[in-house]
């Protein structure tokens, strides 16, 4: 597969992005996308990626070398999704609205973990006793 160069530049008005793609030794093909078009591209690239990795084992998220794209202080929601369990959705700054469906057993594990860490175990006090 030939080496590909990419450039991505958010326009000054922040209403569009210009993307340039070129194989080595070729002039870049440039196109400009608005936010809705960029969201669609990200979604379709995600669909393509999921097909490419469908037969690979999922990475151990607690293993070394795994890079996780985190989102902090974001809007989120939880909705019951019978009989599957629950839908947990949030706004990721890089990918827009994303979510996952959690089955009942995983919900129970999360509740147990959070209860053990934040309710049963008291928060360390800053005061000296």
N, C-alpha and C. Protein backbone atom coordinates (compact mmCIF):
# COMPACT_ATOMS: atom_id res chain seq x y z
N UNK A 1 0.84 -1.17 0.00
CA UNK A 1 0.00 0.00 0.00
C UNK A 1 0.89 1.25 0.00
N UNK A 2 0.63 2.20 -0.89
CA UNK A 2 1.50 3.39 -0.94
C UNK A 2 1.32 4.27 0.29
N UNK A 3 2.40 4.99 0.62
CA UNK A 3 2.35 5.91 1.75
C UNK A 3 1.40 7.06 1.43
N UNK A 4 0.58 7.41 2.41
CA UNK A 4 -0.42 8.46 2.22
C UNK A 4 -0.11 9.61 3.17
N UNK A 5 -0.16 10.82 2.63
CA UNK A 5 -0.02 12.02 3.46
C UNK A 5 -1.39 12.64 3.61
N UNK A 6 -1.67 13.14 4.81
CA UNK A 6 -2.95 13.80 5.06
C UNK A 6 -2.70 15.12 5.76
N UNK A 7 -3.51 16.09 5.43
CA UNK A 7 -3.49 17.36 6.16
C UNK A 7 -4.93 17.72 6.49
N UNK A 8 -5.12 18.23 7.69
CA UNK A 8 -6.45 18.61 8.14
C UNK A 8 -6.33 19.99 8.77
N UNK A 9 -7.09 20.93 8.24
CA UNK A 9 -7.01 22.31 8.72
C UNK A 9 -8.41 22.84 8.96
N UNK A 10 -8.68 23.23 10.21
CA UNK A 10 -9.96 23.86 10.53
C UNK A 10 -9.90 25.28 10.00
N UNK A 11 -10.93 25.67 9.25
CA UNK A 11 -10.98 27.02 8.69
C UNK A 11 -11.05 28.06 9.80
N UNK A 12 -10.62 29.29 9.50
CA UNK A 12 -10.57 30.34 10.51
C UNK A 12 -11.91 30.59 11.19
N UNK A 13 -13.00 30.49 10.44
CA UNK A 13 -14.31 30.75 11.02
C UNK A 13 -14.86 29.56 11.81
N UNK A 14 -14.12 28.46 11.84
CA UNK A 14 -14.47 27.24 12.58
C UNK A 14 -15.78 26.60 12.10
N UNK A 15 -16.19 26.92 10.89
CA UNK A 15 -17.43 26.36 10.34
C UNK A 15 -17.17 25.24 9.34
N UNK A 16 -15.90 25.02 9.00
CA UNK A 16 -15.56 24.00 8.02
C UNK A 16 -14.13 23.53 8.25
N UNK A 17 -13.82 22.40 7.65
CA UNK A 17 -12.48 21.85 7.72
C UNK A 17 -12.06 21.48 6.29
N UNK A 18 -10.80 21.76 5.97
CA UNK A 18 -10.26 21.39 4.67
C UNK A 18 -9.33 20.21 4.87
N UNK A 19 -9.59 19.16 4.11
CA UNK A 19 -8.82 17.92 4.22
C UNK A 19 -8.08 17.71 2.91
N UNK A 20 -6.79 17.42 3.01
CA UNK A 20 -5.98 17.11 1.84
C UNK A 20 -5.42 15.71 1.99
N UNK A 21 -5.52 14.92 0.93
CA UNK A 21 -5.01 13.55 0.94
C UNK A 21 -4.20 13.35 -0.34
N UNK A 22 -3.00 12.78 -0.19
CA UNK A 22 -2.15 12.53 -1.35
C UNK A 22 -1.29 11.29 -1.10
N UNK A 23 -1.10 10.51 -2.15
CA UNK A 23 -0.11 9.44 -2.05
C UNK A 23 1.25 10.06 -2.36
N UNK A 24 2.31 9.43 -1.90
CA UNK A 24 3.65 9.96 -2.05
C UNK A 24 3.93 10.31 -3.51
N UNK A 25 4.38 11.54 -3.75
CA UNK A 25 4.73 12.00 -5.09
C UNK A 25 3.56 12.57 -5.87
N UNK A 26 2.38 12.58 -5.30
CA UNK A 26 1.19 13.10 -5.98
C UNK A 26 0.76 14.42 -5.35
N UNK A 27 0.05 15.23 -6.10
CA UNK A 27 -0.53 16.46 -5.55
C UNK A 27 -1.73 16.07 -4.69
N UNK A 28 -1.92 16.78 -3.57
CA UNK A 28 -3.05 16.42 -2.71
C UNK A 28 -4.40 16.76 -3.34
N UNK A 29 -5.35 15.92 -3.09
CA UNK A 29 -6.74 16.19 -3.42
C UNK A 29 -7.34 16.85 -2.19
N UNK A 30 -7.89 18.03 -2.33
CA UNK A 30 -8.43 18.75 -1.18
C UNK A 30 -9.94 18.86 -1.30
N UNK A 31 -10.58 18.77 -0.15
CA UNK A 31 -12.01 18.99 -0.10
C UNK A 31 -12.35 19.63 1.23
N UNK A 32 -13.44 20.37 1.25
CA UNK A 32 -13.86 21.11 2.44
C UNK A 32 -15.20 20.55 2.90
N UNK A 33 -15.29 20.32 4.21
CA UNK A 33 -16.50 19.76 4.81
C UNK A 33 -17.02 20.66 5.91
N UNK A 34 -18.34 20.77 5.98
CA UNK A 34 -18.99 21.41 7.12
C UNK A 34 -19.10 20.40 8.26
N UNK A 35 -19.59 20.83 9.40
CA UNK A 35 -19.67 19.96 10.57
C UNK A 35 -20.51 18.71 10.32
N UNK A 36 -21.69 18.86 9.70
CA UNK A 36 -22.54 17.69 9.43
C UNK A 36 -21.84 16.70 8.51
N UNK A 37 -21.15 17.22 7.50
CA UNK A 37 -20.42 16.34 6.58
C UNK A 37 -19.25 15.66 7.28
N UNK A 38 -18.57 16.39 8.15
CA UNK A 38 -17.46 15.81 8.91
C UNK A 38 -17.97 14.71 9.84
N UNK A 39 -19.10 14.97 10.51
CA UNK A 39 -19.70 13.93 11.36
C UNK A 39 -20.03 12.68 10.56
N UNK A 40 -20.56 12.87 9.37
CA UNK A 40 -20.90 11.72 8.51
C UNK A 40 -19.64 10.96 8.10
N UNK A 41 -18.57 11.69 7.76
CA UNK A 41 -17.31 11.05 7.40
C UNK A 41 -16.76 10.25 8.57
N UNK A 42 -16.77 10.83 9.76
CA UNK A 42 -16.27 10.14 10.95
C UNK A 42 -17.09 8.87 11.18
N UNK A 43 -18.41 8.96 11.05
CA UNK A 43 -19.27 7.81 11.23
C UNK A 43 -18.97 6.71 10.20
N UNK A 44 -18.84 7.10 8.96
CA UNK A 44 -18.57 6.11 7.91
C UNK A 44 -17.17 5.51 8.04
N UNK A 45 -16.20 6.31 8.46
CA UNK A 45 -14.86 5.76 8.72
C UNK A 45 -14.92 4.78 9.89
N UNK A 46 -15.73 5.11 10.91
CA UNK A 46 -15.91 4.19 12.04
C UNK A 46 -16.53 2.88 11.59
N UNK A 47 -17.53 2.95 10.68
CA UNK A 47 -18.14 1.73 10.14
C UNK A 47 -17.10 0.90 9.39
N UNK A 48 -16.28 1.57 8.58
CA UNK A 48 -15.24 0.87 7.82
C UNK A 48 -14.23 0.23 8.77
N UNK A 49 -13.84 0.96 9.81
CA UNK A 49 -12.88 0.41 10.77
C UNK A 49 -13.44 -0.80 11.48
N UNK A 50 -14.72 -0.73 11.86
CA UNK A 50 -15.31 -1.86 12.58
C UNK A 50 -15.33 -3.11 11.69
N UNK A 51 -15.51 -2.95 10.38
CA UNK A 51 -15.45 -4.09 9.48
C UNK A 51 -14.03 -4.65 9.38
N UNK A 52 -13.04 -3.76 9.40
CA UNK A 52 -11.65 -4.19 9.27
C UNK A 52 -11.16 -4.95 10.50
N UNK A 53 -11.70 -4.64 11.67
CA UNK A 53 -11.24 -5.29 12.91
C UNK A 53 -12.23 -6.32 13.45
N UNK A 54 -13.28 -6.60 12.67
CA UNK A 54 -14.35 -7.49 13.15
C UNK A 54 -13.84 -8.85 13.61
N UNK A 55 -12.81 -9.36 13.00
CA UNK A 55 -12.32 -10.70 13.33
C UNK A 55 -11.11 -10.69 14.25
N UNK A 56 -10.71 -9.52 14.69
CA UNK A 56 -9.58 -9.43 15.61
C UNK A 56 -10.09 -9.44 17.04
N UNK A 57 -9.31 -9.99 17.97
CA UNK A 57 -9.74 -9.94 19.37
C UNK A 57 -9.72 -8.50 19.88
N UNK A 58 -10.64 -8.19 20.77
CA UNK A 58 -10.67 -6.85 21.35
C UNK A 58 -9.47 -6.69 22.27
N UNK A 59 -8.86 -5.49 22.30
CA UNK A 59 -7.68 -5.29 23.15
C UNK A 59 -8.04 -5.32 24.63
N UNK A 60 -7.06 -5.70 25.43
CA UNK A 60 -7.20 -5.65 26.89
C UNK A 60 -7.05 -4.19 27.28
N UNK A 61 -8.14 -3.55 27.66
CA UNK A 61 -8.12 -2.11 27.95
C UNK A 61 -7.30 -1.77 29.19
N UNK A 62 -6.97 -2.76 29.99
CA UNK A 62 -6.12 -2.52 31.16
C UNK A 62 -4.66 -2.83 30.86
N UNK A 63 -4.37 -3.28 29.65
CA UNK A 63 -3.01 -3.62 29.28
C UNK A 63 -2.19 -2.38 28.95
N UNK A 64 -0.90 -2.57 28.93
CA UNK A 64 0.00 -1.45 28.61
C UNK A 64 -0.06 -1.14 27.12
N UNK A 65 0.15 0.10 26.79
CA UNK A 65 0.21 0.50 25.39
C UNK A 65 -1.14 0.79 24.76
N UNK A 66 -2.23 0.56 25.49
CA UNK A 66 -3.55 0.86 24.94
C UNK A 66 -3.83 2.34 25.17
N UNK A 67 -4.13 3.04 24.10
CA UNK A 67 -4.44 4.47 24.18
C UNK A 67 -5.95 4.63 24.17
N UNK A 68 -6.48 5.28 25.19
CA UNK A 68 -7.92 5.49 25.32
C UNK A 68 -8.20 6.97 25.15
N UNK A 69 -9.10 7.29 24.25
CA UNK A 69 -9.50 8.68 24.03
C UNK A 69 -10.58 9.02 25.06
N UNK A 70 -10.22 9.80 26.06
CA UNK A 70 -11.14 10.10 27.15
C UNK A 70 -11.90 11.40 26.92
N UNK A 71 -13.03 11.49 27.59
CA UNK A 71 -13.84 12.70 27.55
C UNK A 71 -14.19 13.05 28.99
N UNK A 72 -13.88 14.26 29.40
CA UNK A 72 -14.15 14.69 30.78
C UNK A 72 -15.16 15.83 30.78
N UNK A 73 -15.91 15.92 31.86
CA UNK A 73 -16.89 16.99 32.03
C UNK A 73 -17.81 17.12 30.82
N UNK A 74 -18.36 16.00 30.42
CA UNK A 74 -19.22 15.98 29.25
C UNK A 74 -20.66 15.70 29.64
N UNK A 75 -21.58 16.00 28.77
CA UNK A 75 -22.97 15.65 29.01
C UNK A 75 -23.13 14.15 28.74
N UNK A 76 -23.94 13.50 29.54
CA UNK A 76 -24.16 12.08 29.38
C UNK A 76 -25.59 11.73 29.80
N UNK A 77 -26.02 10.53 29.43
CA UNK A 77 -27.33 10.06 29.87
C UNK A 77 -27.30 8.54 29.95
N UNK A 78 -28.17 8.01 30.77
CA UNK A 78 -28.38 6.57 30.88
C UNK A 78 -29.86 6.33 30.64
N UNK A 79 -30.15 5.36 29.79
CA UNK A 79 -31.54 5.00 29.51
C UNK A 79 -31.68 3.50 29.62
N UNK A 80 -32.80 3.06 30.21
CA UNK A 80 -33.10 1.64 30.25
C UNK A 80 -33.29 1.16 28.82
N UNK A 81 -32.77 -0.01 28.51
CA UNK A 81 -32.85 -0.56 27.17
C UNK A 81 -33.22 -2.04 27.27
N UNK A 82 -34.45 -2.33 27.80
CA UNK A 82 -34.85 -3.73 27.97
C UNK A 82 -34.92 -4.45 26.63
N UNK A 83 -34.61 -5.73 26.57
CA UNK A 83 -34.11 -6.56 27.66
C UNK A 83 -32.58 -6.53 27.74
N UNK A 84 -31.94 -5.72 26.88
CA UNK A 84 -30.48 -5.71 26.82
C UNK A 84 -29.83 -5.22 28.11
N UNK A 85 -30.41 -4.26 28.78
CA UNK A 85 -29.81 -3.69 29.98
C UNK A 85 -30.00 -2.20 30.00
N UNK A 86 -28.94 -1.46 29.65
CA UNK A 86 -29.02 0.01 29.67
C UNK A 86 -28.12 0.58 28.57
N UNK A 87 -28.53 1.75 28.10
CA UNK A 87 -27.72 2.50 27.14
C UNK A 87 -27.03 3.61 27.91
N UNK A 88 -25.71 3.68 27.80
CA UNK A 88 -24.94 4.77 28.38
C UNK A 88 -24.40 5.57 27.20
N UNK A 89 -24.79 6.84 27.12
CA UNK A 89 -24.38 7.69 26.00
C UNK A 89 -23.75 8.96 26.54
N UNK A 90 -22.81 9.51 25.78
CA UNK A 90 -22.17 10.76 26.18
C UNK A 90 -21.65 11.47 24.95
N UNK A 91 -21.34 12.75 25.12
CA UNK A 91 -20.80 13.54 24.03
C UNK A 91 -19.28 13.51 24.12
N UNK A 92 -18.64 12.91 23.12
CA UNK A 92 -17.18 12.87 23.07
C UNK A 92 -16.70 14.02 22.20
N UNK A 93 -15.76 14.84 22.70
CA UNK A 93 -15.33 16.01 21.93
C UNK A 93 -14.74 15.66 20.56
N UNK A 94 -14.15 14.49 20.42
CA UNK A 94 -13.57 14.11 19.13
C UNK A 94 -14.56 13.44 18.20
N UNK A 95 -15.52 12.71 18.75
CA UNK A 95 -16.37 11.87 17.92
C UNK A 95 -17.85 12.23 17.95
N UNK A 96 -18.23 13.22 18.77
CA UNK A 96 -19.64 13.58 18.88
C UNK A 96 -20.36 12.61 19.81
N UNK A 97 -21.67 12.47 19.64
CA UNK A 97 -22.43 11.58 20.52
C UNK A 97 -22.05 10.11 20.28
N UNK A 98 -21.67 9.43 21.34
CA UNK A 98 -21.34 8.00 21.28
C UNK A 98 -22.01 7.30 22.46
N UNK A 99 -22.14 6.01 22.36
CA UNK A 99 -22.77 5.29 23.45
C UNK A 99 -22.47 3.81 23.38
N UNK A 100 -22.85 3.12 24.44
CA UNK A 100 -22.70 1.69 24.48
C UNK A 100 -23.86 1.09 25.25
N UNK A 101 -24.20 -0.12 24.88
CA UNK A 101 -25.25 -0.84 25.59
C UNK A 101 -24.57 -1.76 26.60
N UNK A 102 -25.00 -1.67 27.83
CA UNK A 102 -24.43 -2.49 28.90
C UNK A 102 -25.44 -3.56 29.31
N UNK A 103 -25.05 -4.84 29.26
CA UNK A 103 -25.95 -5.89 29.73
C UNK A 103 -26.04 -5.86 31.26
N UNK A 104 -27.07 -6.50 31.77
CA UNK A 104 -27.35 -6.48 33.21
C UNK A 104 -26.15 -6.87 34.08
N UNK A 105 -25.42 -7.92 33.70
CA UNK A 105 -24.30 -8.37 34.53
C UNK A 105 -23.19 -7.32 34.60
N UNK A 106 -22.95 -6.58 33.51
CA UNK A 106 -21.94 -5.53 33.54
C UNK A 106 -22.41 -4.34 34.37
N UNK A 107 -23.71 -4.05 34.31
CA UNK A 107 -24.26 -2.97 35.14
C UNK A 107 -24.05 -3.32 36.61
N UNK A 108 -24.32 -4.58 36.98
CA UNK A 108 -24.12 -5.01 38.36
C UNK A 108 -22.65 -4.87 38.77
N UNK A 109 -21.72 -5.21 37.87
CA UNK A 109 -20.29 -5.08 38.18
C UNK A 109 -19.90 -3.62 38.38
N UNK A 110 -20.44 -2.73 37.56
CA UNK A 110 -20.14 -1.30 37.68
C UNK A 110 -20.68 -0.76 39.00
N UNK A 111 -21.92 -1.12 39.32
CA UNK A 111 -22.52 -0.65 40.58
C UNK A 111 -21.71 -1.16 41.76
N UNK A 112 -21.32 -2.41 41.74
CA UNK A 112 -20.52 -2.98 42.82
C UNK A 112 -19.18 -2.26 42.95
N UNK A 113 -18.51 -2.02 41.82
CA UNK A 113 -17.23 -1.33 41.83
C UNK A 113 -17.37 0.07 42.42
N UNK A 114 -18.34 0.83 41.92
CA UNK A 114 -18.52 2.20 42.39
C UNK A 114 -18.93 2.24 43.87
N UNK A 115 -19.77 1.32 44.27
CA UNK A 115 -20.19 1.25 45.68
C UNK A 115 -18.99 0.98 46.57
N UNK A 116 -18.18 -0.01 46.19
CA UNK A 116 -17.00 -0.35 46.99
C UNK A 116 -16.01 0.80 47.07
N UNK A 117 -15.81 1.51 45.98
CA UNK A 117 -14.78 2.55 45.94
C UNK A 117 -15.22 3.89 46.50
N UNK A 118 -16.49 4.23 46.33
CA UNK A 118 -16.91 5.59 46.67
C UNK A 118 -17.91 5.70 47.80
N UNK A 119 -18.57 4.61 48.15
CA UNK A 119 -19.55 4.68 49.22
C UNK A 119 -19.06 3.94 50.46
N UNK A 120 -18.62 2.71 50.26
CA UNK A 120 -18.19 1.89 51.40
C UNK A 120 -16.87 2.39 51.96
N UNK A 121 -15.93 2.73 51.09
CA UNK A 121 -14.63 3.24 51.53
C UNK A 121 -14.73 4.75 51.69
N UNK A 122 -14.53 5.28 52.89
CA UNK A 122 -14.62 6.72 53.06
C UNK A 122 -13.51 7.45 52.30
N UNK A 123 -13.81 8.65 51.89
CA UNK A 123 -12.83 9.49 51.22
C UNK A 123 -11.78 9.91 52.24
N UNK A 124 -10.49 9.84 51.89
CA UNK A 124 -9.46 10.26 52.84
C UNK A 124 -9.67 11.72 53.27
N UNK A 125 -9.50 11.96 54.53
CA UNK A 125 -9.67 13.28 55.07
C UNK A 125 -8.39 14.08 54.96
N UNK A 126 -8.50 15.37 54.73
CA UNK A 126 -7.33 16.25 54.66
C UNK A 126 -6.88 16.62 56.07
N UNK A 127 -7.76 16.42 57.06
CA UNK A 127 -7.41 16.78 58.44
C UNK A 127 -6.47 15.74 59.04
N UNK A 128 -5.59 16.22 59.90
CA UNK A 128 -4.73 15.31 60.65
C UNK A 128 -5.44 14.97 61.95
N UNK A 129 -5.39 13.73 62.33
CA UNK A 129 -6.05 13.28 63.55
C UNK A 129 -5.06 13.12 64.66
